[in-house]
Amino acid sequence: MGDSANKVPMLESIGNNTVNSAIEYVETSVDISDNAFAIRAENNAFEPVISKGCTLIVEPNAELKEQGFAVIESEGKQAIYFVKKNEAQEYIVTSNLVDNQYSKLMDVSTIKGVVVQIKRALAG
C-alpha cells in the first residue's frame, strides 16, 4: 500500500460481491486493503452526512467502533446503514437518518464493510 493514493474499484451495485463489476476506479488517500471498494450513494437518506452522488470508500477489514456507516447484508441483499450501539451495547441500525427509527441488527445480518471515507460529489 505504499502509494499516497490508492485506487479502489467503484462497484455498479453492492448487491453482488464481485469486483469484476467495477465500472471505474476511484482514488483515495485512506489506508485500505486490496478488498476495499467504492460505491455511490443512490439517495439522500443520510443527509446531511451523505448526499446522493457521494462516493463511499468501504473497507471490509475495518472494525466498526461505537457508530458509523456500514454495508450490511441481510437475506441476500446488501445496503448501507448507519450503525450504533444502544445502552445494552447491541448494534442497532437505520437506513434513514431523517426518521430516526432504529432496529436491532439481526443475527442473520453480516457487516460486509465499514465506510472509511466519504467523498463529496462535485456540484456541476
Protein backbone atom coordinates (compact mmCIF):
# COMPACT_ATOMS: atom_id res chain seq x y z
CA MET A 1 0.00 0.00 0.00
CA GLY A 2 2.96 2.36 -0.23
CA ASP A 3 1.29 4.78 -2.66
CA SER A 4 -0.03 8.09 -1.33
CA ALA A 5 -3.18 7.47 -3.34
CA ASN A 6 -4.74 4.04 -3.65
CA LYS A 7 -7.31 3.11 -6.26
CA VAL A 8 -10.39 1.10 -5.42
CA PRO A 9 -12.99 -0.34 -7.78
CA MET A 10 -16.29 1.54 -7.97
CA LEU A 11 -18.97 -1.13 -7.93
CA GLU A 12 -22.07 -0.62 -10.01
CA SER A 13 -24.12 -2.01 -7.16
CA ILE A 14 -23.40 -3.54 -3.79
CA GLY A 15 -25.78 -6.40 -4.35
CA ASN A 16 -23.00 -8.60 -5.66
CA ASN A 17 -19.59 -9.28 -4.21
CA THR A 18 -17.65 -9.40 -7.47
CA VAL A 19 -15.01 -6.78 -8.00
CA ASN A 20 -15.32 -7.70 -11.69
CA SER A 21 -18.39 -5.47 -11.78
CA ALA A 22 -16.22 -2.38 -11.35
CA ILE A 23 -17.40 0.45 -13.61
CA GLU A 24 -14.42 2.70 -12.81
CA TYR A 25 -11.67 3.18 -10.23
CA VAL A 26 -11.62 5.85 -7.55
CA GLU A 27 -8.56 7.29 -5.82
CA THR A 28 -8.38 7.50 -2.06
CA SER A 29 -5.68 8.61 0.35
CA VAL A 30 -7.09 6.39 3.10
CA ASP A 31 -5.05 3.34 4.08
CA ILE A 32 -7.05 0.42 2.67
CA SER A 33 -6.71 -3.27 1.89
CA ASP A 34 -6.90 -4.90 -1.53
CA ASN A 35 -10.50 -5.87 -0.73
CA ALA A 36 -11.74 -2.29 -0.37
CA PHE A 37 -14.30 -0.95 -2.83
CA ALA A 38 -16.25 2.20 -3.60
CA ILE A 39 -19.97 2.70 -4.07
CA ARG A 40 -22.05 5.73 -4.91
CA ALA A 41 -24.85 6.92 -2.61
CA GLU A 42 -28.10 6.46 -4.51
CA ASN A 43 -30.35 8.65 -2.36
CA ASN A 44 -30.43 11.34 0.33
CA ALA A 45 -31.42 9.05 3.23
CA PHE A 46 -28.32 10.01 5.23
CA GLU A 47 -28.24 13.77 4.68
CA PRO A 48 -26.55 15.93 5.75
CA VAL A 49 -23.70 13.44 6.26
CA ILE A 50 -24.03 11.59 2.95
CA SER A 51 -25.79 13.17 -0.03
CA LYS A 52 -26.94 11.50 -3.22
CA GLY A 53 -23.97 11.12 -5.55
CA CYS A 54 -21.29 10.95 -2.82
CA THR A 55 -18.68 8.25 -3.23
CA LEU A 56 -18.19 5.98 -0.25
CA ILE A 57 -14.95 4.09 0.29
CA VAL A 58 -15.75 0.80 2.05
CA GLU A 59 -13.18 -1.32 3.87
CA PRO A 60 -14.26 -4.92 4.53
CA ASN A 61 -11.41 -5.43 7.02
CA ALA A 62 -12.25 -2.40 9.19
CA GLU A 63 -13.83 -2.90 12.59
CA LEU A 64 -16.98 -0.97 13.39
CA LYS A 65 -16.46 1.11 16.52
CA GLU A 66 -19.24 2.75 18.54
CA GLN A 67 -21.05 4.04 15.44
CA GLY A 68 -20.64 4.61 11.74
CA PHE A 69 -21.85 3.74 8.28
CA ALA A 70 -21.55 0.17 7.06
CA VAL A 71 -22.59 -2.10 4.22
CA ILE A 72 -24.75 -4.83 5.73
CA GLU A 73 -26.00 -7.97 4.03
CA SER A 74 -29.30 -9.44 5.16
CA GLU A 75 -31.33 -12.10 3.39
CA GLY A 76 -29.02 -11.95 0.37
CA LYS A 77 -29.35 -8.16 -0.14
CA GLN A 78 -26.76 -5.53 0.67
CA ALA A 79 -27.43 -1.93 1.64
CA ILE A 80 -25.88 0.96 3.51
CA TYR A 81 -26.93 1.54 7.11
CA PHE A 82 -25.98 3.83 9.96
CA VAL A 83 -24.99 1.58 12.85
CA LYS A 84 -24.56 2.45 16.52
CA LYS A 85 -24.60 0.73 19.89
CA ASN A 86 -27.56 1.09 22.23
CA GLU A 87 -27.47 1.19 26.04
CA ALA A 88 -27.16 -2.63 26.13
CA GLN A 89 -24.12 -2.40 23.80
CA GLU A 90 -26.05 -4.13 20.99
CA TYR A 91 -25.74 -2.84 17.46
CA ILE A 92 -28.83 -1.05 16.17
CA VAL A 93 -29.28 0.14 12.59
CA THR A 94 -31.24 2.56 10.47
CA SER A 95 -31.49 3.04 6.73
CA ASN A 96 -32.63 6.63 7.11
CA LEU A 97 -31.31 9.35 9.46
CA VAL A 98 -34.40 11.52 8.94
CA ASP A 99 -36.97 9.31 10.68
CA ASN A 100 -34.53 8.21 13.43
CA GLN A 101 -36.11 4.72 13.56
CA TYR A 102 -33.61 2.10 14.68
CA SER A 103 -33.92 -1.67 14.86
CA LYS A 104 -31.62 -4.30 16.34
CA LEU A 105 -29.03 -5.73 13.96
CA MET A 106 -30.35 -9.21 13.29
CA ASP A 107 -28.18 -12.26 13.88
CA VAL A 108 -28.66 -13.28 10.23
CA SER A 109 -27.14 -9.96 9.08
CA THR A 110 -23.47 -9.61 8.20
CA ILE A 111 -21.41 -6.42 8.19
CA LYS A 112 -19.65 -6.58 4.81
CA GLY A 113 -17.57 -3.43 5.28
CA VAL A 114 -17.27 -0.12 7.07
CA VAL A 115 -17.36 3.23 5.29
CA VAL A 116 -13.90 4.73 5.91
CA GLN A 117 -14.18 7.78 3.64
CA ILE A 118 -16.97 9.90 2.19
CA LYS A 119 -16.04 11.80 -0.97
CA ARG A 120 -18.46 14.61 -1.75
CA ALA A 121 -19.93 14.87 -5.21
CA LEU A 122 -18.74 17.97 -7.01
CA ALA A 123 -21.51 20.42 -7.80
CA GLY A 124 -21.88 20.72 -11.52
